[in-house]
């Protein structure tokens, strides 16, 4: 876990209500009463954050502290952190809302929050973002962070809770398919080859299913980057630009750090600077990165056009 933003929750001063007094517990800035702690705010306990929901989440943070986790499905560490924070959100019984921000699905929000890498955790308090840490942390440290956030929220008069009696819960996840379950179990066991085989068999049955192909590309990416140091891979790629494997590892490293554009540009440069079988290897890797980042992303659309120019 590494701190970023040079923000220490404990150093932030309590807000004051008009007239110089401390804000009343459960009130919003400006004096508008919020939901009582006993009744709970009728809002999701866990919410996915994007450009359309960020304003609502910021509004919630005037009554209930919000913990925001920035993640990517490309990062197993981020996926694990999200799952742990989801459990802690339920353990704390609605004393904070958990927001999940997929930086791949909402890059504009991640950019607005100045996200540099995933996973990362921020807080929203009275509408203001507070950077907390980048990377992962064990449960004990996460509980300490949450307790500190709740203390800070209370000192600022943000003492509401989320209703957890059913109406305020997040929508249940879609039921896993047998393919997804088998692949997930293999990944959790660290057997990426077995997970890839699961998707290979599924794709043979449904060769036109782009989601299965994207999932297989993600598994291959996880296998390549498992245990790797992204910073070292980037340095190695920059030191030996003509080394195809180093160049492609650098593209993977950039993607692991959440910079999809840099990953695609690095892989595209590998295509441009190599010939023959090496160019084809680089092209196929770039196509896999297209699958992972998402065909609808503007970065993919732009680099795809550049690829066509290089090849044709």
C-alpha atoms as a PDB file:
ATOM      1  CA  UNK A   1       0.000   0.000   0.000  1.00  0.00           C
ATOM      2  CA  UNK A   2       1.387   3.443  -0.904  1.00  0.00           C
ATOM      3  CA  UNK A   3      -0.049   6.776   0.136  1.00  0.00           C
ATOM      4  CA  UNK A   4      -0.650   9.387  -2.549  1.00  0.00           C
ATOM      5  CA  UNK A   5      -1.930  12.920  -2.658  1.00  0.00           C
ATOM      6  CA  UNK A   6      -0.189  13.834   0.623  1.00  0.00           C
ATOM      7  CA  UNK A   7      -3.531  13.876   2.428  1.00  0.00           C
ATOM      8  CA  UNK A   8      -3.802  12.751   6.043  1.00  0.00           C
ATOM      9  CA  UNK A   9      -7.396  12.297   7.109  1.00  0.00           C
ATOM     10  CA  UNK A  10      -6.577  13.083  10.716  1.00  0.00           C
ATOM     11  CA  UNK A  11      -5.243  16.543   9.830  1.00  0.00           C
ATOM     12  CA  UNK A  12      -8.435  17.789   8.202  1.00  0.00           C
ATOM     13  CA  UNK A  13     -10.292  20.286  10.349  1.00  0.00           C
ATOM     14  CA  UNK A  14     -13.991  19.834  11.154  1.00  0.00           C
ATOM     15  CA  UNK A  15     -16.379  21.937   9.141  1.00  0.00           C
ATOM     16  CA  UNK A  16     -18.389  24.572  10.937  1.00  0.00           C
ATOM     17  CA  UNK A  17     -21.989  25.513  10.663  1.00  0.00           C
ATOM     18  CA  UNK A  18     -23.095  29.134   9.983  1.00  0.00           C
ATOM     19  CA  UNK A  19     -22.351  31.219  13.030  1.00  0.00           C
ATOM     20  CA  UNK A  20     -19.143  29.355  13.915  1.00  0.00           C
ATOM     21  CA  UNK A  21     -20.570  26.266  15.639  1.00  0.00           C
ATOM     22  CA  UNK A  22     -19.936  22.700  14.604  1.00  0.00           C
ATOM     23  CA  UNK A  23     -22.361  21.332  12.037  1.00  0.00           C
ATOM     24  CA  UNK A  24     -25.214  19.428  13.617  1.00  0.00           C
ATOM     25  CA  UNK A  25     -24.925  15.652  13.394  1.00  0.00           C
ATOM     26  CA  UNK A  26     -26.827  14.281  10.420  1.00  0.00           C
ATOM     27  CA  UNK A  27     -27.160  17.651   8.725  1.00  0.00           C
ATOM     28  CA  UNK A  28     -25.937  18.637   5.313  1.00  0.00           C
ATOM     29  CA  UNK A  29     -23.685  21.655   4.802  1.00  0.00           C
ATOM     30  CA  UNK A  30     -25.993  24.645   4.715  1.00  0.00           C
ATOM     31  CA  UNK A  31     -28.289  23.244   7.368  1.00  0.00           C
ATOM     32  CA  UNK A  32     -30.476  20.853   5.376  1.00  0.00           C
ATOM     33  CA  UNK A  33     -31.347  17.849   7.533  1.00  0.00           C
ATOM     34  CA  UNK A  34     -30.259  14.472   6.255  1.00  0.00           C
ATOM     35  CA  UNK A  35     -31.549  10.998   6.984  1.00  0.00           C
ATOM     36  CA  UNK A  36     -31.381   9.985  10.614  1.00  0.00           C
ATOM     37  CA  UNK A  37     -28.922   7.328  11.680  1.00  0.00           C
ATOM     38  CA  UNK A  38     -31.761   5.171  12.934  1.00  0.00           C
ATOM     39  CA  UNK A  39     -33.812   5.238   9.743  1.00  0.00           C
ATOM     40  CA  UNK A  40     -30.980   5.087   7.258  1.00  0.00           C
ATOM     41  CA  UNK A  41     -30.741   6.714   3.871  1.00  0.00           C
ATOM     42  CA  UNK A  42     -32.641   4.832   1.129  1.00  0.00           C
ATOM     43  CA  UNK A  43     -29.638   4.483  -1.180  1.00  0.00           C
ATOM     44  CA  UNK A  44     -27.520   1.575  -2.448  1.00  0.00           C
ATOM     45  CA  UNK A  45     -24.932   0.333  -0.004  1.00  0.00           C
ATOM     46  CA  UNK A  46     -22.649  -0.503  -2.945  1.00  0.00           C
ATOM     47  CA  UNK A  47     -22.887   1.483  -6.161  1.00  0.00           C
ATOM     48  CA  UNK A  48     -21.058   1.502  -9.485  1.00  0.00           C
ATOM     49  CA  UNK A  49     -19.752   4.997 -10.201  1.00  0.00           C
ATOM     50  CA  UNK A  50     -19.543   6.574 -13.638  1.00  0.00           C
ATOM     51  CA  UNK A  51     -20.150   9.986 -15.156  1.00  0.00           C
ATOM     52  CA  UNK A  52     -23.917   9.628 -14.741  1.00  0.00           C
ATOM     53  CA  UNK A  53     -23.876   8.548 -11.094  1.00  0.00           C
ATOM     54  CA  UNK A  54     -20.937  10.557  -9.715  1.00  0.00           C
ATOM     55  CA  UNK A  55     -23.117  13.545  -8.862  1.00  0.00           C
ATOM     56  CA  UNK A  56     -25.543  11.351  -6.893  1.00  0.00           C
ATOM     57  CA  UNK A  57     -22.671   9.741  -4.996  1.00  0.00           C
ATOM     58  CA  UNK A  58     -21.217  13.165  -4.187  1.00  0.00           C
ATOM     59  CA  UNK A  59     -24.618  14.185  -2.868  1.00  0.00           C
ATOM     60  CA  UNK A  60     -24.782  11.075  -0.694  1.00  0.00           C
ATOM     61  CA  UNK A  61     -21.391  12.028   0.749  1.00  0.00           C
ATOM     62  CA  UNK A  62     -22.941  15.109   2.358  1.00  0.00           C
ATOM     63  CA  UNK A  63     -24.863  12.756   4.645  1.00  0.00           C
ATOM     64  CA  UNK A  64     -22.938   9.478   4.628  1.00  0.00           C
ATOM     65  CA  UNK A  65     -19.168   9.070   4.046  1.00  0.00           C
ATOM     66  CA  UNK A  66     -18.331   7.401   0.746  1.00  0.00           C
ATOM     67  CA  UNK A  67     -15.370   5.113   0.153  1.00  0.00           C
ATOM     68  CA  UNK A  68     -14.476   4.995  -3.538  1.00  0.00           C
ATOM     69  CA  UNK A  69     -12.361   2.146  -4.947  1.00  0.00           C
ATOM     70  CA  UNK A  70     -10.844   2.629  -8.401  1.00  0.00           C
ATOM     71  CA  UNK A  71     -10.358  -0.706 -10.099  1.00  0.00           C
ATOM     72  CA  UNK A  72     -10.027  -2.519 -13.388  1.00  0.00           C
ATOM     73  CA  UNK A  73     -11.153  -6.039 -14.288  1.00  0.00           C
ATOM     74  CA  UNK A  74      -7.681  -6.431 -15.827  1.00  0.00           C
ATOM     75  CA  UNK A  75      -6.106  -6.321 -12.366  1.00  0.00           C
ATOM     76  CA  UNK A  76      -6.620  -9.332 -10.111  1.00  0.00           C
ATOM     77  CA  UNK A  77      -5.306  -7.310  -7.166  1.00  0.00           C
ATOM     78  CA  UNK A  78      -7.974  -4.677  -7.819  1.00  0.00           C
ATOM     79  CA  UNK A  79     -10.687  -7.334  -8.112  1.00  0.00           C
ATOM     80  CA  UNK A  80      -9.639  -8.842  -4.790  1.00  0.00           C
ATOM     81  CA  UNK A  81      -9.614  -5.421  -3.104  1.00  0.00           C
ATOM     82  CA  UNK A  82     -13.114  -4.657  -4.378  1.00  0.00           C
ATOM     83  CA  UNK A  83     -14.412  -7.958  -2.996  1.00  0.00           C
ATOM     84  CA  UNK A  84     -12.844  -7.266   0.410  1.00  0.00           C
ATOM     85  CA  UNK A  85     -14.269  -3.744   0.567  1.00  0.00           C
ATOM     86  CA  UNK A  86     -17.714  -5.048  -0.415  1.00  0.00           C
ATOM     87  CA  UNK A  87     -17.608  -7.397   2.560  1.00  0.00           C
ATOM     88  CA  UNK A  88     -16.446  -4.632   4.875  1.00  0.00           C
ATOM     89  CA  UNK A  89     -19.230  -2.349   3.648  1.00  0.00           C
ATOM     90  CA  UNK A  90     -21.740  -4.974   4.759  1.00  0.00           C
ATOM     91  CA  UNK A  91     -19.868  -5.584   8.028  1.00  0.00           C
ATOM     92  CA  UNK A  92     -20.090  -1.879   8.886  1.00  0.00           C
ATOM     93  CA  UNK A  93     -23.873  -1.977   8.500  1.00  0.00           C
ATOM     94  CA  UNK A  94     -24.333   1.038   6.250  1.00  0.00           C
ATOM     95  CA  UNK A  95     -22.050   3.470   8.079  1.00  0.00           C
ATOM     96  CA  UNK A  96     -20.454   4.265   4.711  1.00  0.00           C
ATOM     97  CA  UNK A  97     -21.321   3.802   1.057  1.00  0.00           C
ATOM     98  CA  UNK A  98     -18.913   1.930  -1.195  1.00  0.00           C
ATOM     99  CA  UNK A  99     -18.489   3.258  -4.712  1.00  0.00           C
ATOM    100  CA  UNK A 100     -16.857   1.065  -7.381  1.00  0.00           C
ATOM    101  CA  UNK A 101     -15.244   2.983 -10.237  1.00  0.00           C
ATOM    102  CA  UNK A 102     -14.126   0.859 -13.193  1.00  0.00           C
ATOM    103  CA  UNK A 103     -11.421   3.040 -14.740  1.00  0.00           C
ATOM    104  CA  UNK A 104     -11.804   1.240 -18.081  1.00  0.00           C
ATOM    105  CA  UNK A 105     -15.550   1.857 -18.273  1.00  0.00           C
ATOM    106  CA  UNK A 106     -15.383   5.453 -16.985  1.00  0.00           C
ATOM    107  CA  UNK A 107     -11.938   6.818 -17.951  1.00  0.00           C
ATOM    108  CA  UNK A 108     -13.192  10.402 -17.872  1.00  0.00           C
ATOM    109  CA  UNK A 109     -14.133  10.090 -14.199  1.00  0.00           C
ATOM    110  CA  UNK A 110     -10.810   8.437 -13.352  1.00  0.00           C
ATOM    111  CA  UNK A 111      -9.018  11.282 -15.111  1.00  0.00           C
ATOM    112  CA  UNK A 112     -11.064  13.888 -13.245  1.00  0.00           C
ATOM    113  CA  UNK A 113     -10.049  12.230  -9.972  1.00  0.00           C
ATOM    114  CA  UNK A 114      -6.402  12.231 -11.140  1.00  0.00           C
ATOM    115  CA  UNK A 115      -6.089   8.461 -10.800  1.00  0.00           C
ATOM    116  CA  UNK A 116      -2.540   7.350 -11.545  1.00  0.00           C
ATOM    117  CA  UNK A 117      -2.832   3.597 -11.062  1.00  0.00           C
ATOM    118  CA  UNK A 118      -5.216   0.886  -9.944  1.00  0.00           C
ATOM    119  CA  UNK A 119      -6.231  -0.231  -7.509  1.00  0.00           C
ATOM    120  CA  UNK A 120      -6.615   2.986  -5.540  1.00  0.00           C
ATOM    121  CA  UNK A 121      -8.929   4.085  -2.752  1.00  0.00           C
ATOM    122  CA  UNK A 122     -10.364   7.543  -2.187  1.00  0.00           C
ATOM    123  CA  UNK A 123     -12.990   9.005   0.116  1.00  0.00           C
ATOM    124  CA  UNK A 124     -15.754  11.435  -0.722  1.00  0.00           C
ATOM    125  CA  UNK A 125     -16.769  13.618   2.194  1.00  0.00           C
ATOM    126  CA  UNK A 126     -19.219  16.492   1.829  1.00  0.00           C
ATOM    127  CA  UNK A 127     -18.671  16.276  -1.913  1.00  0.00           C
ATOM    128  CA  UNK A 128     -14.889  16.598  -1.675  1.00  0.00           C
ATOM    129  CA  UNK A 129     -12.492  13.858  -2.870  1.00  0.00           C
ATOM    130  CA  UNK A 130      -9.812  12.771  -0.385  1.00  0.00           C
ATOM    131  CA  UNK A 131      -7.027  10.529  -1.791  1.00  0.00           C
ATOM    132  CA  UNK A 132      -6.140   7.744   0.647  1.00  0.00           C
ATOM    133  CA  UNK A 133      -3.879   5.090  -0.892  1.00  0.00           C
ATOM    134  CA  UNK A 134      -2.803   3.295  -4.030  1.00  0.00           C
ATOM    135  CA  UNK A 135      -2.251  -0.434  -4.188  1.00  0.00           C
ATOM    136  CA  UNK A 136      -3.693  -3.031  -1.854  1.00  0.00           C
ATOM    137  CA  UNK A 137      -3.900  -3.415   1.908  1.00  0.00           C
ATOM    138  CA  UNK A 138      -4.754  -6.202   4.350  1.00  0.00           C
ATOM    139  CA  UNK A 139      -8.129  -6.218   6.076  1.00  0.00           C
ATOM    140  CA  UNK A 140      -6.769  -4.875   9.369  1.00  0.00           C
ATOM    141  CA  UNK A 141      -5.329  -1.792   7.666  1.00  0.00           C
ATOM    142  CA  UNK A 142      -8.509  -1.260   5.665  1.00  0.00           C
ATOM    143  CA  UNK A 143     -10.572  -1.320   8.856  1.00  0.00           C
ATOM    144  CA  UNK A 144      -8.214   1.274  10.345  1.00  0.00           C
ATOM    145  CA  UNK A 145      -8.663   3.488   7.275  1.00  0.00           C
ATOM    146  CA  UNK A 146     -12.448   3.137   7.460  1.00  0.00           C
ATOM    147  CA  UNK A 147     -12.511   3.888  11.197  1.00  0.00           C
ATOM    148  CA  UNK A 148     -10.426   7.004  10.616  1.00  0.00           C
ATOM    149  CA  UNK A 149     -12.760   8.093   7.805  1.00  0.00           C
ATOM    150  CA  UNK A 150     -15.800   7.626  10.046  1.00  0.00           C
ATOM    151  CA  UNK A 151     -14.174   9.706  12.793  1.00  0.00           C
ATOM    152  CA  UNK A 152     -13.401  12.471  10.322  1.00  0.00           C
ATOM    153  CA  UNK A 153     -16.951  12.309   8.960  1.00  0.00           C
ATOM    154  CA  UNK A 154     -18.418  12.594  12.455  1.00  0.00           C
ATOM    155  CA  UNK A 155     -16.247  15.616  13.232  1.00  0.00           C
ATOM    156  CA  UNK A 156     -17.696  17.239  10.120  1.00  0.00           C
ATOM    157  CA  UNK A 157     -21.282  16.399  11.066  1.00  0.00           C
ATOM    158  CA  UNK A 158     -21.632  13.641   8.447  1.00  0.00           C
ATOM    159  CA  UNK A 159     -23.166  10.919  10.598  1.00  0.00           C
ATOM    160  CA  UNK A 160     -25.928   9.389   8.490  1.00  0.00           C
ATOM    161  CA  UNK A 161     -26.115   5.745   7.471  1.00  0.00           C
ATOM    162  CA  UNK A 162     -27.322   3.736   4.501  1.00  0.00           C
ATOM    163  CA  UNK A 163     -30.457   1.650   5.011  1.00  0.00           C
ATOM    164  CA  UNK A 164     -29.446  -2.012   4.926  1.00  0.00           C
ATOM    165  CA  UNK A 165     -32.801  -3.661   5.509  1.00  0.00           C
ATOM    166  CA  UNK A 166     -33.186  -4.543   1.837  1.00  0.00           C
ATOM    167  CA  UNK A 167     -34.273  -1.286   0.208  1.00  0.00           C
ATOM    168  CA  UNK A 168     -30.823   0.225   0.322  1.00  0.00           C
ATOM    169  CA  UNK A 169     -28.820  -2.784  -0.800  1.00  0.00           C
ATOM    170  CA  UNK A 170     -27.039  -2.927  -4.115  1.00  0.00           C
ATOM    171  CA  UNK A 171     -28.578  -4.926  -6.901  1.00  0.00           C
ATOM    172  CA  UNK A 172     -27.470  -8.565  -6.741  1.00  0.00           C
ATOM    173  CA  UNK A 173     -24.836  -9.639  -9.227  1.00  0.00           C
ATOM    174  CA  UNK A 174     -25.939 -11.604 -12.253  1.00  0.00           C
ATOM    175  CA  UNK A 175     -25.715 -15.346 -11.790  1.00  0.00           C
ATOM    176  CA  UNK A 176     -22.456 -16.831 -13.013  1.00  0.00           C
ATOM    177  CA  UNK A 177     -22.543 -19.082 -16.030  1.00  0.00           C
ATOM    178  CA  UNK A 178     -20.870 -22.479 -15.797  1.00  0.00           C
ATOM    179  CA  UNK A 179     -18.083 -21.214 -18.045  1.00  0.00           C
ATOM    180  CA  UNK A 180     -17.486 -18.148 -15.887  1.00  0.00           C
ATOM    181  CA  UNK A 181     -17.544 -20.232 -12.720  1.00  0.00           C
ATOM    182  CA  UNK A 182     -15.037 -22.762 -14.055  1.00  0.00           C
ATOM    183  CA  UNK A 183     -12.724 -20.028 -15.309  1.00  0.00           C
ATOM    184  CA  UNK A 184     -12.959 -18.077 -12.053  1.00  0.00           C
ATOM    185  CA  UNK A 185     -12.117 -21.150  -9.986  1.00  0.00           C
ATOM    186  CA  UNK A 186      -9.087 -21.841 -12.180  1.00  0.00           C
ATOM    187  CA  UNK A 187      -7.894 -18.240 -11.877  1.00  0.00           C
ATOM    188  CA  UNK A 188      -8.332 -18.280  -8.112  1.00  0.00           C
ATOM    189  CA  UNK A 189      -6.171 -21.420  -8.035  1.00  0.00           C
ATOM    190  CA  UNK A 190      -3.536 -19.622 -10.097  1.00  0.00           C
ATOM    191  CA  UNK A 191      -4.034 -22.010 -13.017  1.00  0.00           C
ATOM    192  CA  UNK A 192      -4.358 -19.569 -15.906  1.00  0.00           C
ATOM    193  CA  UNK A 193      -3.761 -22.289 -18.492  1.00  0.00           C
ATOM    194  CA  UNK A 194      -6.814 -24.169 -17.249  1.00  0.00           C
ATOM    195  CA  UNK A 195      -8.875 -20.973 -17.341  1.00  0.00           C
ATOM    196  CA  UNK A 196      -7.780 -20.351 -20.918  1.00  0.00           C
ATOM    197  CA  UNK A 197      -8.785 -23.903 -21.840  1.00  0.00           C
ATOM    198  CA  UNK A 198     -12.238 -23.258 -20.386  1.00  0.00           C
ATOM    199  CA  UNK A 199     -12.687 -20.302 -22.717  1.00  0.00           C
ATOM    200  CA  UNK A 200     -11.130 -22.162 -25.671  1.00  0.00           C
ATOM    201  CA  UNK A 201     -13.793 -24.867 -25.347  1.00  0.00           C
ATOM    202  CA  UNK A 202     -16.563 -22.302 -24.969  1.00  0.00           C
ATOM    203  CA  UNK A 203     -15.397 -20.366 -28.035  1.00  0.00           C
ATOM    204  CA  UNK A 204     -15.441 -23.552 -30.116  1.00  0.00           C
ATOM    205  CA  UNK A 205     -19.111 -23.896 -29.215  1.00  0.00           C
ATOM    206  CA  UNK A 206     -19.830 -20.194 -29.849  1.00  0.00           C
ATOM    207  CA  UNK A 207     -17.175 -18.853 -32.247  1.00  0.00           C
ATOM    208  CA  UNK A 208     -19.006 -15.560 -32.683  1.00  0.00           C
ATOM    209  CA  UNK A 209     -19.137 -14.670 -28.982  1.00  0.00           C
ATOM    210  CA  UNK A 210     -16.894 -11.611 -28.597  1.00  0.00           C
ATOM    211  CA  UNK A 211     -17.342 -11.562 -24.809  1.00  0.00           C
ATOM    212  CA  UNK A 212     -15.811 -15.014 -24.509  1.00  0.00           C
ATOM    213  CA  UNK A 213     -12.884 -13.935 -26.665  1.00  0.00           C
ATOM    214  CA  UNK A 214     -12.384 -10.815 -24.545  1.00  0.00           C
ATOM    215  CA  UNK A 215     -12.465 -12.927 -21.380  1.00  0.00           C
ATOM    216  CA  UNK A 216      -9.837 -15.272 -22.825  1.00  0.00           C
ATOM    217  CA  UNK A 217      -7.640 -12.290 -23.684  1.00  0.00           C
ATOM    218  CA  UNK A 218      -7.971 -11.084 -20.090  1.00  0.00           C
ATOM    219  CA  UNK A 219      -6.882 -14.484 -18.796  1.00  0.00           C
ATOM    220  CA  UNK A 220      -3.835 -14.444 -21.064  1.00  0.00           C
ATOM    221  CA  UNK A 221      -3.019 -10.959 -19.820  1.00  0.00           C
ATOM    222  CA  UNK A 222      -3.298 -12.080 -16.178  1.00  0.00           C
ATOM    223  CA  UNK A 223      -0.995 -15.021 -16.883  1.00  0.00           C
ATOM    224  CA  UNK A 224       1.624 -12.791 -18.512  1.00  0.00           C
ATOM    225  CA  UNK A 225       1.591 -10.152 -15.782  1.00  0.00           C
ATOM    226  CA  UNK A 226       1.215 -12.354 -12.703  1.00  0.00           C
ATOM    227  CA  UNK A 227       4.104 -11.601 -10.356  1.00  0.00           C
ATOM    228  CA  UNK A 228       5.690  -9.101 -12.734  1.00  0.00           C
ATOM    229  CA  UNK A 229       6.951  -5.657 -11.709  1.00  0.00           C
ATOM    230  CA  UNK A 230       5.312  -3.163 -14.112  1.00  0.00           C
ATOM    231  CA  UNK A 231       7.920  -0.464 -13.490  1.00  0.00           C
ATOM    232  CA  UNK A 232      10.760  -2.877 -14.267  1.00  0.00           C
ATOM    233  CA  UNK A 233       8.992  -4.083 -17.415  1.00  0.00           C
ATOM    234  CA  UNK A 234       8.546  -0.521 -18.648  1.00  0.00           C
ATOM    235  CA  UNK A 235      12.196   0.248 -17.989  1.00  0.00           C
ATOM    236  CA  UNK A 236      13.300  -2.881 -19.855  1.00  0.00           C
ATOM    237  CA  UNK A 237      11.079  -2.030 -22.820  1.00  0.00           C
ATOM    238  CA  UNK A 238      12.459   1.506 -23.029  1.00  0.00           C
ATOM    239  CA  UNK A 239      16.030   0.227 -22.763  1.00  0.00           C
ATOM    240  CA  UNK A 240      15.651  -2.245 -25.645  1.00  0.00           C
ATOM    241  CA  UNK A 241      12.986  -0.953 -28.063  1.00  0.00           C
ATOM    242  CA  UNK A 242      13.933  -3.535 -30.727  1.00  0.00           C
ATOM    243  CA  UNK A 243      13.385  -6.458 -28.328  1.00  0.00           C
ATOM    244  CA  UNK A 244       9.891  -7.604 -29.273  1.00  0.00           C
ATOM    245  CA  UNK A 245       9.160  -9.514 -26.070  1.00  0.00           C
ATOM    246  CA  UNK A 246      10.356  -6.606 -23.943  1.00  0.00           C
ATOM    247  CA  UNK A 247       8.224  -4.203 -25.972  1.00  0.00           C
ATOM    248  CA  UNK A 248       5.102  -6.323 -25.563  1.00  0.00           C
ATOM    249  CA  UNK A 249       5.801  -6.787 -21.851  1.00  0.00           C
ATOM    250  CA  UNK A 250       6.019  -3.002 -21.618  1.00  0.00           C
ATOM    251  CA  UNK A 251       2.588  -2.710 -23.217  1.00  0.00           C
ATOM    252  CA  UNK A 252       1.211  -5.177 -20.673  1.00  0.00           C
ATOM    253  CA  UNK A 253       2.847  -3.220 -17.858  1.00  0.00           C
ATOM    254  CA  UNK A 254       1.264   0.026 -18.983  1.00  0.00           C
ATOM    255  CA  UNK A 255      -2.125  -1.654 -19.061  1.00  0.00           C
ATOM    256  CA  UNK A 256      -1.564  -3.150 -15.608  1.00  0.00           C
ATOM    257  CA  UNK A 257      -0.923   0.386 -14.345  1.00  0.00           C
ATOM    258  CA  UNK A 258      -4.228   1.548 -15.804  1.00  0.00           C
ATOM    259  CA  UNK A 259      -2.865   3.470 -18.804  1.00  0.00           C
ATOM    260  CA  UNK A 260      -4.748   1.891 -21.688  1.00  0.00           C
ATOM    261  CA  UNK A 261      -3.636   4.483 -24.229  1.00  0.00           C
ATOM    262  CA  UNK A 262       0.071   3.954 -23.459  1.00  0.00           C
ATOM    263  CA  UNK A 263      -0.401   0.181 -23.658  1.00  0.00           C
ATOM    264  CA  UNK A 264      -1.993   0.369 -27.094  1.00  0.00           C
ATOM    265  CA  UNK A 265       0.567   2.846 -28.407  1.00  0.00           C
ATOM    266  CA  UNK A 266       3.451   0.646 -27.213  1.00  0.00           C
ATOM    267  CA  UNK A 267       1.976  -2.436 -28.874  1.00  0.00           C
ATOM    268  CA  UNK A 268       1.278  -0.441 -32.053  1.00  0.00           C
ATOM    269  CA  UNK A 269       4.902   0.726 -32.134  1.00  0.00           C
ATOM    270  CA  UNK A 270       5.991  -2.917 -31.840  1.00  0.00           C
ATOM    271  CA  UNK A 271       3.948  -3.690 -34.955  1.00  0.00           C
ATOM    272  CA  UNK A 272       5.409  -0.701 -36.810  1.00  0.00           C
ATOM    273  CA  UNK A 273       9.034  -1.413 -35.890  1.00  0.00           C
ATOM    274  CA  UNK A 274       9.104  -5.147 -36.668  1.00  0.00           C
ATOM    275  CA  UNK A 275       8.635  -7.236 -39.771  1.00  0.00           C
ATOM    276  CA  UNK A 276       7.683 -10.756 -40.766  1.00  0.00           C
ATOM    277  CA  UNK A 277       6.658 -13.170 -38.019  1.00  0.00           C
ATOM    278  CA  UNK A 278       7.564 -10.682 -35.300  1.00  0.00           C
ATOM    279  CA  UNK A 279       5.185  -8.102 -36.776  1.00  0.00           C
ATOM    280  CA  UNK A 280       2.409 -10.708 -36.848  1.00  0.00           C
ATOM    281  CA  UNK A 281       3.101 -11.618 -33.211  1.00  0.00           C
ATOM    282  CA  UNK A 282       2.870  -7.945 -32.260  1.00  0.00           C
ATOM    283  CA  UNK A 283      -0.323  -7.498 -34.296  1.00  0.00           C
ATOM    284  CA  UNK A 284      -2.039 -10.421 -32.587  1.00  0.00           C
ATOM    285  CA  UNK A 285      -1.023  -9.084 -29.169  1.00  0.00           C
ATOM    286  CA  UNK A 286      -2.423  -5.669 -30.071  1.00  0.00           C
ATOM    287  CA  UNK A 287      -5.718  -7.291 -31.071  1.00  0.00           C
ATOM    288  CA  UNK A 288      -5.834  -8.976 -27.654  1.00  0.00           C
ATOM    289  CA  UNK A 289      -5.306  -5.608 -25.997  1.00  0.00           C
ATOM    290  CA  UNK A 290      -8.182  -4.244 -28.087  1.00  0.00           C
ATOM    291  CA  UNK A 291     -10.386  -6.972 -26.578  1.00  0.00           C
ATOM    292  CA  UNK A 292      -9.294  -6.142 -23.026  1.00  0.00           C
ATOM    293  CA  UNK A 293      -9.635  -2.373 -23.288  1.00  0.00           C
ATOM    294  CA  UNK A 294     -12.948  -2.655 -25.124  1.00  0.00           C
ATOM    295  CA  UNK A 295     -13.897  -2.225 -28.767  1.00  0.00           C
ATOM    296  CA  UNK A 296     -16.038   0.804 -27.949  1.00  0.00           C
ATOM    297  CA  UNK A 297     -13.287   2.836 -26.304  1.00  0.00           C
ATOM    298  CA  UNK A 298     -11.985   5.889 -28.206  1.00  0.00           C
ATOM    299  CA  UNK A 299      -8.386   4.742 -27.633  1.00  0.00           C
ATOM    300  CA  UNK A 300      -9.059   1.465 -29.427  1.00  0.00           C
ATOM    301  CA  UNK A 301     -10.846   3.213 -32.307  1.00  0.00           C
ATOM    302  CA  UNK A 302      -7.928   5.611 -32.795  1.00  0.00           C
ATOM    303  CA  UNK A 303      -5.186   2.978 -32.599  1.00  0.00           C
ATOM    304  CA  UNK A 304      -7.157   0.612 -34.848  1.00  0.00           C
ATOM    305  CA  UNK A 305      -7.139   3.286 -37.552  1.00  0.00           C
ATOM    306  CA  UNK A 306      -3.393   3.767 -37.091  1.00  0.00           C
ATOM    307  CA  UNK A 307      -2.865   0.014 -37.335  1.00  0.00           C
ATOM    308  CA  UNK A 308      -4.721  -0.103 -40.626  1.00  0.00           C
ATOM    309  CA  UNK A 309      -2.454   2.656 -41.959  1.00  0.00           C
ATOM    310  CA  UNK A 310       0.664   0.708 -40.983  1.00  0.00           C
ATOM    311  CA  UNK A 311      -0.508  -2.599 -42.439  1.00  0.00           C
ATOM    312  CA  UNK A 312      -2.178  -1.383 -45.605  1.00  0.00           C
END
